[in-house]
Amino acid sequence: MNRLGFIVTTFLVVLAIGSSMLFVVDQRQFGVVFQLGEIRKVVTEPGLNFKLPPPFQNVSYIDKRLLTLESTDTEPTLTAERQRVVIDWYVRWRISDPQAYIRNVGLNERAGALQLNRVARNAFQQEVNKRTLQELLSTQREQLMQDVQREVLAAVRGADKPWGMDVIDVRITRVDYAETITRSVYDRMEAERRRVANELRATGFAEGERIRAEADREREVIIADSFREAQRIKGEADAAAAAAYASAFGRDPAFAQFYRSLEAYKASFAGKSDVMVVDPSSDFFRALRSSDVGR
């Protein structure tokens, strides 16, 4: 029983040692084998590989893919005409020499991103300081990115301590004024729009008053013309009526007197409760007493 246990234990130990001597390199990574803290070899091709068991040899992995570094700095940069602008940019880079990268930069991608960010930010500041805002936005935008890429490449490929990386592309994604300038620009735009709106309102109010005044004037003219025409027609009608009355009264004066008396009676007794005390011998009843009424 003790012999069987010894055999099983020995097998497990050998299996553990054997598995610690094997490592797999992915196609997206470099495999770096360290021996007592020094780089022993770099595996660039994917597949199964062998090494000595720890602590004699250890393996570390570094990404070999194309990486992207995006700017996180919000500090404004001055242009040639002293305009404060904020620039968003990104850098596409990859690790090309793992040994040089580990010796001069660090053991992971984050270390390279930190140093590359510092170099790219300084290069952008220097190039932006040389150009006006118009050149930065249009005429020299492409040239600026090429100059920045050249400066960054010169820094990472230094003769003394190369970083073991390649910079593939440098791009500007956004150029904007600093927050204080942007706010003042927006305030001026808002004030200008408010001024235009007030001017339009004033113009509209004045136009409305003019239209209302014109309409009132035309209304008064129409009313005056209508009143004048009504008065003219009324005058013509009154004249025709007076002529008719005169003609009728001229033919029969007694009937005319009788008709006037009836009209007077009608006007005197406008309501049912009206009472009038009149002398029967007065001229008011003369038509009733006249003997010519019956004829």
C-alpha atoms as a PDB file:
ATOM      1  CA  MET A   1       0.000   0.000   0.000  1.00  0.00           C
ATOM      2  CA  ASN A   2       2.843   2.366   0.862  1.00  0.00           C
ATOM      3  CA  ARG A   3       4.537   1.451  -2.401  1.00  0.00           C
ATOM      4  CA  LEU A   4       1.355   2.231  -4.396  1.00  0.00           C
ATOM      5  CA  GLY A   5       1.006   5.576  -2.697  1.00  0.00           C
ATOM      6  CA  PHE A   6       4.616   6.385  -3.418  1.00  0.00           C
ATOM      7  CA  ILE A   7       4.126   5.523  -7.085  1.00  0.00           C
ATOM      8  CA  VAL A   8       0.998   7.698  -7.335  1.00  0.00           C
ATOM      9  CA  THR A   9       2.686  10.590  -5.581  1.00  0.00           C
ATOM     10  CA  THR A  10       5.736  10.315  -7.798  1.00  0.00           C
ATOM     11  CA  PHE A  11       3.541  10.245 -10.908  1.00  0.00           C
ATOM     12  CA  LEU A  12       1.664  13.344  -9.816  1.00  0.00           C
ATOM     13  CA  VAL A  13       4.903  15.196  -9.082  1.00  0.00           C
ATOM     14  CA  VAL A  14       6.342  14.232 -12.454  1.00  0.00           C
ATOM     15  CA  LEU A  15       3.079  15.278 -14.141  1.00  0.00           C
ATOM     16  CA  ALA A  16       3.112  18.650 -12.372  1.00  0.00           C
ATOM     17  CA  ILE A  17       6.752  19.251 -13.302  1.00  0.00           C
ATOM     18  CA  GLY A  18       6.077  18.202 -16.884  1.00  0.00           C
ATOM     19  CA  SER A  19       3.055  20.504 -17.189  1.00  0.00           C
ATOM     20  CA  SER A  20       5.055  23.420 -15.758  1.00  0.00           C
ATOM     21  CA  MET A  21       7.578  22.898 -18.547  1.00  0.00           C
ATOM     22  CA  LEU A  22       4.943  23.406 -21.240  1.00  0.00           C
ATOM     23  CA  PHE A  23       3.346  26.692 -22.270  1.00  0.00           C
ATOM     24  CA  VAL A  24       1.130  27.760 -25.166  1.00  0.00           C
ATOM     25  CA  VAL A  25       1.637  30.998 -27.098  1.00  0.00           C
ATOM     26  CA  ASP A  26      -1.491  32.493 -28.649  1.00  0.00           C
ATOM     27  CA  GLN A  27      -1.325  34.009 -32.135  1.00  0.00           C
ATOM     28  CA  ARG A  28      -2.173  37.382 -30.595  1.00  0.00           C
ATOM     29  CA  GLN A  29       0.754  37.369 -28.142  1.00  0.00           C
ATOM     30  CA  PHE A  30       4.481  37.203 -27.706  1.00  0.00           C
ATOM     31  CA  GLY A  31       5.782  34.635 -25.245  1.00  0.00           C
ATOM     32  CA  VAL A  32       8.796  35.902 -23.261  1.00  0.00           C
ATOM     33  CA  VAL A  33      10.758  33.305 -21.278  1.00  0.00           C
ATOM     34  CA  PHE A  34      12.652  34.648 -18.248  1.00  0.00           C
ATOM     35  CA  GLN A  35      15.506  32.808 -16.586  1.00  0.00           C
ATOM     36  CA  LEU A  36      16.429  34.140 -13.163  1.00  0.00           C
ATOM     37  CA  GLY A  37      15.000  37.583 -14.074  1.00  0.00           C
ATOM     38  CA  GLU A  38      16.686  37.819 -17.467  1.00  0.00           C
ATOM     39  CA  ILE A  39      15.090  37.348 -20.864  1.00  0.00           C
ATOM     40  CA  ARG A  40      16.100  33.932 -22.158  1.00  0.00           C
ATOM     41  CA  LYS A  41      14.109  33.863 -25.380  1.00  0.00           C
ATOM     42  CA  VAL A  42      11.083  35.392 -27.125  1.00  0.00           C
ATOM     43  CA  VAL A  43       8.532  33.168 -28.834  1.00  0.00           C
ATOM     44  CA  THR A  44       6.860  34.987 -31.712  1.00  0.00           C
ATOM     45  CA  GLU A  45       5.066  32.068 -33.393  1.00  0.00           C
ATOM     46  CA  PRO A  46       1.917  30.499 -31.905  1.00  0.00           C
ATOM     47  CA  GLY A  47       1.985  26.922 -30.623  1.00  0.00           C
ATOM     48  CA  LEU A  48       3.189  24.631 -27.818  1.00  0.00           C
ATOM     49  CA  ASN A  49       6.635  25.370 -26.356  1.00  0.00           C
ATOM     50  CA  PHE A  50       8.984  24.025 -23.655  1.00  0.00           C
ATOM     51  CA  LYS A  51      10.875  25.685 -20.826  1.00  0.00           C
ATOM     52  CA  LEU A  52      12.481  24.757 -17.546  1.00  0.00           C
ATOM     53  CA  PRO A  53      10.156  24.446 -14.558  1.00  0.00           C
ATOM     54  CA  PRO A  54       9.857  27.343 -12.096  1.00  0.00           C
ATOM     55  CA  PRO A  55      11.757  28.894 -10.501  1.00  0.00           C
ATOM     56  CA  PHE A  56      14.421  28.292 -13.146  1.00  0.00           C
ATOM     57  CA  GLN A  57      12.332  29.739 -15.971  1.00  0.00           C
ATOM     58  CA  ASN A  58       9.057  31.692 -16.118  1.00  0.00           C
ATOM     59  CA  VAL A  59       6.984  32.902 -19.044  1.00  0.00           C
ATOM     60  CA  SER A  60       5.232  36.239 -19.580  1.00  0.00           C
ATOM     61  CA  TYR A  61       2.933  37.312 -22.394  1.00  0.00           C
ATOM     62  CA  ILE A  62       2.778  40.616 -24.242  1.00  0.00           C
ATOM     63  CA  ASP A  63       0.109  41.631 -26.742  1.00  0.00           C
ATOM     64  CA  LYS A  64       1.312  41.766 -30.350  1.00  0.00           C
ATOM     65  CA  ARG A  65      -1.900  43.206 -31.812  1.00  0.00           C
ATOM     66  CA  LEU A  66      -2.458  46.750 -33.047  1.00  0.00           C
ATOM     67  CA  LEU A  67      -3.309  48.863 -29.974  1.00  0.00           C
ATOM     68  CA  THR A  68      -5.117  52.203 -29.698  1.00  0.00           C
ATOM     69  CA  LEU A  69      -4.156  55.004 -27.348  1.00  0.00           C
ATOM     70  CA  GLU A  70      -6.833  57.703 -26.965  1.00  0.00           C
ATOM     71  CA  SER A  71      -6.197  61.095 -25.413  1.00  0.00           C
ATOM     72  CA  THR A  72      -7.605  61.748 -21.948  1.00  0.00           C
ATOM     73  CA  ASP A  73      -6.112  65.192 -21.387  1.00  0.00           C
ATOM     74  CA  THR A  74      -8.662  68.018 -21.188  1.00  0.00           C
ATOM     75  CA  GLU A  75      -6.122  70.818 -20.665  1.00  0.00           C
ATOM     76  CA  PRO A  76      -6.367  73.478 -23.402  1.00  0.00           C
ATOM     77  CA  THR A  77      -3.509  74.146 -25.832  1.00  0.00           C
ATOM     78  CA  LEU A  78      -2.583  77.548 -27.240  1.00  0.00           C
ATOM     79  CA  THR A  79      -2.510  78.104 -30.988  1.00  0.00           C
ATOM     80  CA  ALA A  80      -0.207  80.541 -32.780  1.00  0.00           C
ATOM     81  CA  GLU A  81      -2.712  83.379 -32.281  1.00  0.00           C
ATOM     82  CA  ARG A  82      -3.098  82.489 -28.565  1.00  0.00           C
ATOM     83  CA  GLN A  83      -6.458  80.757 -28.907  1.00  0.00           C
ATOM     84  CA  ARG A  84      -7.176  78.149 -26.220  1.00  0.00           C
ATOM     85  CA  VAL A  85      -8.341  74.893 -27.839  1.00  0.00           C
ATOM     86  CA  VAL A  86      -8.902  71.339 -26.632  1.00  0.00           C
ATOM     87  CA  ILE A  87      -7.784  68.543 -28.965  1.00  0.00           C
ATOM     88  CA  ASP A  88      -8.921  64.914 -28.949  1.00  0.00           C
ATOM     89  CA  TRP A  89      -6.576  62.499 -30.698  1.00  0.00           C
ATOM     90  CA  TYR A  90      -5.615  58.847 -30.882  1.00  0.00           C
ATOM     91  CA  VAL A  91      -2.477  56.856 -31.729  1.00  0.00           C
ATOM     92  CA  ARG A  92      -2.401  53.371 -33.265  1.00  0.00           C
ATOM     93  CA  TRP A  93       0.692  51.454 -32.130  1.00  0.00           C
ATOM     94  CA  ARG A  94       2.075  47.951 -31.612  1.00  0.00           C
ATOM     95  CA  ILE A  95       4.970  46.229 -29.863  1.00  0.00           C
ATOM     96  CA  SER A  96       7.550  45.190 -32.448  1.00  0.00           C
ATOM     97  CA  ASP A  97      10.552  44.178 -30.294  1.00  0.00           C
ATOM     98  CA  PRO A  98       9.503  42.531 -27.000  1.00  0.00           C
ATOM     99  CA  GLN A  99      13.040  42.441 -25.576  1.00  0.00           C
ATOM    100  CA  ALA A 100      13.665  46.150 -26.115  1.00  0.00           C
ATOM    101  CA  TYR A 101      10.150  46.943 -24.913  1.00  0.00           C
ATOM    102  CA  ILE A 102      10.578  45.024 -21.640  1.00  0.00           C
ATOM    103  CA  ARG A 103      14.069  46.460 -20.971  1.00  0.00           C
ATOM    104  CA  ASN A 104      13.208  50.112 -21.700  1.00  0.00           C
ATOM    105  CA  VAL A 105       9.445  50.453 -21.134  1.00  0.00           C
ATOM    106  CA  GLY A 106       7.843  47.784 -18.932  1.00  0.00           C
ATOM    107  CA  LEU A 107       6.340  44.337 -18.628  1.00  0.00           C
ATOM    108  CA  ASN A 108       2.836  45.158 -19.924  1.00  0.00           C
ATOM    109  CA  GLU A 109       0.995  47.289 -22.463  1.00  0.00           C
ATOM    110  CA  ARG A 110      -0.106  49.842 -19.884  1.00  0.00           C
ATOM    111  CA  ALA A 111       3.468  50.952 -19.259  1.00  0.00           C
ATOM    112  CA  GLY A 112       3.970  51.640 -22.947  1.00  0.00           C
ATOM    113  CA  ALA A 113       0.643  53.479 -23.216  1.00  0.00           C
ATOM    114  CA  LEU A 114       1.587  55.792 -20.334  1.00  0.00           C
ATOM    115  CA  GLN A 115       4.924  56.784 -21.875  1.00  0.00           C
ATOM    116  CA  LEU A 116       3.481  57.046 -25.380  1.00  0.00           C
ATOM    117  CA  ASN A 117       0.703  59.313 -24.086  1.00  0.00           C
ATOM    118  CA  ARG A 118       3.266  61.684 -22.593  1.00  0.00           C
ATOM    119  CA  VAL A 119       5.307  61.868 -25.806  1.00  0.00           C
ATOM    120  CA  ALA A 120       2.246  62.276 -28.067  1.00  0.00           C
ATOM    121  CA  ARG A 121       0.761  65.009 -25.855  1.00  0.00           C
ATOM    122  CA  ASN A 122       3.997  67.017 -25.907  1.00  0.00           C
ATOM    123  CA  ALA A 123       4.286  66.598 -29.685  1.00  0.00           C
ATOM    124  CA  PHE A 124       0.725  67.809 -30.228  1.00  0.00           C
ATOM    125  CA  GLN A 125       1.302  70.844 -28.003  1.00  0.00           C
ATOM    126  CA  GLN A 126       4.446  71.828 -29.901  1.00  0.00           C
ATOM    127  CA  GLU A 127       2.827  71.447 -33.318  1.00  0.00           C
ATOM    128  CA  VAL A 128      -0.390  73.247 -32.328  1.00  0.00           C
ATOM    129  CA  ASN A 129       1.643  76.178 -30.944  1.00  0.00           C
ATOM    130  CA  LYS A 130       3.115  76.673 -34.425  1.00  0.00           C
ATOM    131  CA  ARG A 131      -0.228  76.925 -36.258  1.00  0.00           C
ATOM    132  CA  THR A 132      -3.248  79.174 -36.314  1.00  0.00           C
ATOM    133  CA  LEU A 133      -6.735  77.892 -35.649  1.00  0.00           C
ATOM    134  CA  GLN A 134      -7.605  78.091 -39.356  1.00  0.00           C
ATOM    135  CA  GLU A 135      -4.562  76.002 -40.259  1.00  0.00           C
ATOM    136  CA  LEU A 136      -5.344  73.556 -37.482  1.00  0.00           C
ATOM    137  CA  LEU A 137      -8.893  73.032 -38.708  1.00  0.00           C
ATOM    138  CA  SER A 138      -8.363  72.910 -42.455  1.00  0.00           C
ATOM    139  CA  THR A 139      -5.251  73.786 -44.414  1.00  0.00           C
ATOM    140  CA  GLN A 140      -2.550  72.069 -42.295  1.00  0.00           C
ATOM    141  CA  ARG A 141      -4.529  69.500 -40.367  1.00  0.00           C
ATOM    142  CA  GLU A 142      -3.068  66.530 -42.270  1.00  0.00           C
ATOM    143  CA  GLN A 143       0.452  67.970 -42.136  1.00  0.00           C
ATOM    144  CA  LEU A 144       0.155  68.442 -38.358  1.00  0.00           C
ATOM    145  CA  MET A 145      -0.733  64.772 -37.834  1.00  0.00           C
ATOM    146  CA  GLN A 146       2.204  63.688 -39.993  1.00  0.00           C
ATOM    147  CA  ASP A 147       4.591  65.932 -38.043  1.00  0.00           C
ATOM    148  CA  VAL A 148       3.326  64.574 -34.738  1.00  0.00           C
ATOM    149  CA  GLN A 149       3.743  60.993 -35.942  1.00  0.00           C
ATOM    150  CA  ARG A 150       7.306  61.748 -37.055  1.00  0.00           C
ATOM    151  CA  GLU A 151       8.190  63.262 -33.675  1.00  0.00           C
ATOM    152  CA  VAL A 152       6.657  60.367 -31.755  1.00  0.00           C
ATOM    153  CA  LEU A 153       8.508  57.828 -33.927  1.00  0.00           C
ATOM    154  CA  ALA A 154      11.775  59.695 -33.327  1.00  0.00           C
ATOM    155  CA  ALA A 155      11.184  59.462 -29.583  1.00  0.00           C
ATOM    156  CA  VAL A 156      10.275  55.746 -29.465  1.00  0.00           C
ATOM    157  CA  ARG A 157      13.123  54.793 -31.827  1.00  0.00           C
ATOM    158  CA  GLY A 158      15.805  56.602 -29.893  1.00  0.00           C
ATOM    159  CA  ALA A 159      19.318  55.381 -30.577  1.00  0.00           C
ATOM    160  CA  ASP A 160      20.181  54.959 -26.897  1.00  0.00           C
ATOM    161  CA  LYS A 161      17.087  53.173 -25.619  1.00  0.00           C
ATOM    162  CA  PRO A 162      14.596  52.184 -28.312  1.00  0.00           C
ATOM    163  CA  TRP A 163      11.155  51.374 -26.964  1.00  0.00           C
ATOM    164  CA  GLY A 164      10.611  48.362 -29.204  1.00  0.00           C
ATOM    165  CA  MET A 165       7.330  49.683 -30.636  1.00  0.00           C
ATOM    166  CA  ASP A 166       6.001  51.077 -33.905  1.00  0.00           C
ATOM    167  CA  VAL A 167       3.589  53.986 -34.290  1.00  0.00           C
ATOM    168  CA  ILE A 168       1.265  53.163 -37.188  1.00  0.00           C
ATOM    169  CA  ASP A 169      -1.031  56.192 -37.284  1.00  0.00           C
ATOM    170  CA  VAL A 170      -1.812  59.457 -35.500  1.00  0.00           C
ATOM    171  CA  ARG A 171      -5.191  61.147 -35.918  1.00  0.00           C
ATOM    172  CA  ILE A 172      -7.053  64.183 -34.594  1.00  0.00           C
ATOM    173  CA  THR A 173     -10.700  63.423 -33.856  1.00  0.00           C
ATOM    174  CA  ARG A 174     -11.919  66.765 -32.499  1.00  0.00           C
ATOM    175  CA  VAL A 175     -10.765  70.355 -32.130  1.00  0.00           C
ATOM    176  CA  ASP A 176     -12.856  72.614 -29.944  1.00  0.00           C
ATOM    177  CA  TYR A 177     -12.540  75.794 -27.954  1.00  0.00           C
ATOM    178  CA  ALA A 178     -11.875  75.602 -24.243  1.00  0.00           C
ATOM    179  CA  GLU A 179     -14.946  75.451 -22.013  1.00  0.00           C
ATOM    180  CA  THR A 180     -14.760  79.113 -20.974  1.00  0.00           C
ATOM    181  CA  ILE A 181     -14.431  80.298 -24.573  1.00  0.00           C
ATOM    182  CA  THR A 182     -17.160  77.915 -25.723  1.00  0.00           C
ATOM    183  CA  ARG A 183     -19.528  79.271 -23.096  1.00  0.00           C
ATOM    184  CA  SER A 184     -18.789  82.879 -24.083  1.00  0.00           C
ATOM    185  CA  VAL A 185     -19.304  81.999 -27.767  1.00  0.00           C
ATOM    186  CA  TYR A 186     -22.623  80.350 -26.944  1.00  0.00           C
ATOM    187  CA  ASP A 187     -23.630  83.371 -24.866  1.00  0.00           C
ATOM    188  CA  ARG A 188     -22.829  85.717 -27.769  1.00  0.00           C
ATOM    189  CA  MET A 189     -24.739  83.501 -30.173  1.00  0.00           C
ATOM    190  CA  GLU A 190     -27.704  83.419 -27.791  1.00  0.00           C
ATOM    191  CA  ALA A 191     -27.595  87.197 -27.356  1.00  0.00           C
ATOM    192  CA  GLU A 192     -27.434  87.677 -31.138  1.00  0.00           C
ATOM    193  CA  ARG A 193     -30.376  85.315 -31.709  1.00  0.00           C
ATOM    194  CA  ARG A 194     -32.311  87.096 -28.960  1.00  0.00           C
ATOM    195  CA  ARG A 195     -31.567  90.470 -30.596  1.00  0.00           C
ATOM    196  CA  VAL A 196     -32.756  89.191 -33.972  1.00  0.00           C
ATOM    197  CA  ALA A 197     -35.876  87.715 -32.377  1.00  0.00           C
ATOM    198  CA  ASN A 198     -36.664  91.005 -30.597  1.00  0.00           C
ATOM    199  CA  GLU A 199     -36.098  92.899 -33.830  1.00  0.00           C
ATOM    200  CA  LEU A 200     -38.454  90.567 -35.672  1.00  0.00           C
ATOM    201  CA  ARG A 201     -41.044  90.922 -32.910  1.00  0.00           C
ATOM    202  CA  ALA A 202     -40.756  94.732 -33.039  1.00  0.00           C
ATOM    203  CA  THR A 203     -41.046  94.696 -36.832  1.00  0.00           C
ATOM    204  CA  GLY A 204     -44.049  92.395 -36.628  1.00  0.00           C
ATOM    205  CA  PHE A 205     -45.690  94.553 -33.959  1.00  0.00           C
ATOM    206  CA  ALA A 206     -45.149  97.712 -36.045  1.00  0.00           C
ATOM    207  CA  GLU A 207     -46.491  95.958 -39.149  1.00  0.00           C
ATOM    208  CA  GLY A 208     -49.493  94.759 -37.156  1.00  0.00           C
ATOM    209  CA  GLU A 209     -50.179  98.286 -35.903  1.00  0.00           C
ATOM    210  CA  ARG A 210     -49.897  99.612 -39.448  1.00  0.00           C
ATOM    211  CA  ILE A 211     -52.322  96.987 -40.746  1.00  0.00           C
ATOM    212  CA  ARG A 212     -54.762  97.678 -37.911  1.00  0.00           C
ATOM    213  CA  ALA A 213     -54.547 101.450 -38.504  1.00  0.00           C
ATOM    214  CA  GLU A 214     -55.094 100.919 -42.238  1.00  0.00           C
ATOM    215  CA  ALA A 215     -58.073  98.664 -41.509  1.00  0.00           C
ATOM    216  CA  ASP A 216     -59.546 101.219 -39.062  1.00  0.00           C
ATOM    217  CA  ARG A 217     -59.084 103.984 -41.626  1.00  0.00           C
ATOM    218  CA  GLU A 218     -60.742 101.918 -44.351  1.00  0.00           C
ATOM    219  CA  ARG A 219     -63.557 101.030 -41.950  1.00  0.00           C
ATOM    220  CA  GLU A 220     -64.143 104.713 -41.146  1.00  0.00           C
ATOM    221  CA  VAL A 221     -64.083 105.577 -44.845  1.00  0.00           C
ATOM    222  CA  ILE A 222     -66.561 102.795 -45.643  1.00  0.00           C
ATOM    223  CA  ILE A 223     -68.837 103.849 -42.773  1.00  0.00           C
ATOM    224  CA  ALA A 224     -68.668 107.498 -43.851  1.00  0.00           C
ATOM    225  CA  ASP A 225     -69.369 106.611 -47.478  1.00  0.00           C
ATOM    226  CA  SER A 226     -72.229 104.356 -46.431  1.00  0.00           C
ATOM    227  CA  PHE A 227     -73.674 107.017 -44.140  1.00  0.00           C
ATOM    228  CA  ARG A 228     -73.377 109.622 -46.899  1.00  0.00           C
ATOM    229  CA  GLU A 229     -75.052 107.268 -49.384  1.00  0.00           C
ATOM    230  CA  ALA A 230     -77.757 106.434 -46.830  1.00  0.00           C
ATOM    231  CA  GLN A 231     -78.362 110.087 -46.165  1.00  0.00           C
ATOM    232  CA  ARG A 232     -78.527 110.764 -49.884  1.00  0.00           C
ATOM    233  CA  ILE A 233     -81.037 107.970 -50.423  1.00  0.00           C
ATOM    234  CA  LYS A 234     -82.973 109.051 -47.357  1.00  0.00           C
ATOM    235  CA  GLY A 235     -83.041 112.637 -48.601  1.00  0.00           C
ATOM    236  CA  GLU A 236     -84.232 111.523 -52.011  1.00  0.00           C
ATOM    237  CA  ALA A 237     -86.889 109.360 -50.362  1.00  0.00           C
ATOM    238  CA  ASP A 238     -87.963 112.200 -48.075  1.00  0.00           C
ATOM    239  CA  ALA A 239     -88.131 114.532 -51.059  1.00  0.00           C
ATOM    240  CA  ALA A 240     -90.195 111.993 -52.989  1.00  0.00           C
ATOM    241  CA  ALA A 241     -92.438 111.477 -49.987  1.00  0.00           C
ATOM    242  CA  ALA A 242     -92.812 115.207 -49.464  1.00  0.00           C
ATOM    243  CA  ALA A 243     -93.645 115.622 -53.156  1.00  0.00           C
ATOM    244  CA  ALA A 244     -96.190 112.817 -52.877  1.00  0.00           C
ATOM    245  CA  TYR A 245     -97.663 114.363 -49.736  1.00  0.00           C
ATOM    246  CA  ALA A 246     -97.762 117.793 -51.340  1.00  0.00           C
ATOM    247  CA  SER A 247     -99.413 116.416 -54.454  1.00  0.00           C
ATOM    248  CA  ALA A 248    -101.974 114.489 -52.378  1.00  0.00           C
ATOM    249  CA  PHE A 249    -102.602 117.355 -50.012  1.00  0.00           C
ATOM    250  CA  GLY A 250    -102.985 119.775 -52.906  1.00  0.00           C
ATOM    251  CA  ARG A 251    -105.733 117.666 -54.434  1.00  0.00           C
ATOM    252  CA  ASP A 252    -107.731 117.318 -51.167  1.00  0.00           C
ATOM    253  CA  PRO A 253    -106.765 119.743 -48.374  1.00  0.00           C
ATOM    254  CA  ALA A 254    -109.537 118.448 -46.082  1.00  0.00           C
ATOM    255  CA  PHE A 255    -108.253 114.884 -46.308  1.00  0.00           C
ATOM    256  CA  ALA A 256    -104.777 116.083 -45.640  1.00  0.00           C
ATOM    257  CA  GLN A 257    -105.949 117.857 -42.512  1.00  0.00           C
ATOM    258  CA  PHE A 258    -107.802 114.741 -41.453  1.00  0.00           C
ATOM    259  CA  TYR A 259    -104.729 112.558 -42.020  1.00  0.00           C
ATOM    260  CA  ARG A 260    -102.534 114.867 -39.967  1.00  0.00           C
ATOM    261  CA  SER A 261    -105.054 114.750 -37.150  1.00  0.00           C
ATOM    262  CA  LEU A 262    -105.010 110.937 -37.182  1.00  0.00           C
ATOM    263  CA  GLU A 263    -101.255 110.931 -37.029  1.00  0.00           C
ATOM    264  CA  ALA A 264    -101.410 113.317 -34.090  1.00  0.00           C
ATOM    265  CA  TYR A 265    -103.880 111.061 -32.308  1.00  0.00           C
ATOM    266  CA  LYS A 266    -101.681 108.051 -32.887  1.00  0.00           C
ATOM    267  CA  ALA A 267     -98.646 109.828 -31.504  1.00  0.00           C
ATOM    268  CA  SER A 268    -100.583 111.102 -28.487  1.00  0.00           C
ATOM    269  CA  PHE A 269    -101.895 107.702 -27.431  1.00  0.00           C
ATOM    270  CA  ALA A 270     -98.709 105.619 -27.646  1.00  0.00           C
ATOM    271  CA  GLY A 271     -99.621 103.443 -24.630  1.00  0.00           C
ATOM    272  CA  LYS A 272    -102.814 101.865 -23.396  1.00  0.00           C
ATOM    273  CA  SER A 273    -102.613 103.726 -20.112  1.00  0.00           C
ATOM    274  CA  ASP A 274    -102.091 107.161 -21.644  1.00  0.00           C
ATOM    275  CA  VAL A 275    -104.700 109.761 -20.631  1.00  0.00           C
ATOM    276  CA  MET A 276    -105.231 113.138 -22.282  1.00  0.00           C
ATOM    277  CA  VAL A 277    -107.617 115.847 -21.160  1.00  0.00           C
ATOM    278  CA  VAL A 278    -108.556 118.071 -24.149  1.00  0.00           C
ATOM    279  CA  ASP A 279    -111.232 120.718 -24.651  1.00  0.00           C
ATOM    280  CA  PRO A 280    -113.777 119.320 -27.179  1.00  0.00           C
ATOM    281  CA  SER A 281    -114.024 122.721 -28.805  1.00  0.00           C
ATOM    282  CA  SER A 282    -110.287 122.816 -29.474  1.00  0.00           C
ATOM    283  CA  ASP A 283    -108.708 122.435 -32.883  1.00  0.00           C
ATOM    284  CA  PHE A 284    -107.669 118.933 -31.929  1.00  0.00           C
ATOM    285  CA  PHE A 285    -111.166 117.540 -32.654  1.00  0.00           C
ATOM    286  CA  ARG A 286    -111.902 119.827 -35.566  1.00  0.00           C
ATOM    287  CA  ALA A 287    -111.530 117.035 -38.072  1.00  0.00           C
ATOM    288  CA  LEU A 288    -114.031 114.886 -36.177  1.00  0.00           C
ATOM    289  CA  ARG A 289    -116.593 117.690 -36.212  1.00  0.00           C
ATOM    290  CA  SER A 290    -115.990 118.647 -39.825  1.00  0.00           C
ATOM    291  CA  SER A 291    -118.904 117.860 -42.146  1.00  0.00           C
ATOM    292  CA  ASP A 292    -116.476 117.318 -45.059  1.00  0.00           C
ATOM    293  CA  VAL A 293    -114.965 114.171 -43.557  1.00  0.00           C
ATOM    294  CA  GLY A 294    -117.966 112.071 -44.479  1.00  0.00           C
ATOM    295  CA  ARG A 295    -117.843 113.059 -48.122  1.00  0.00           C
END
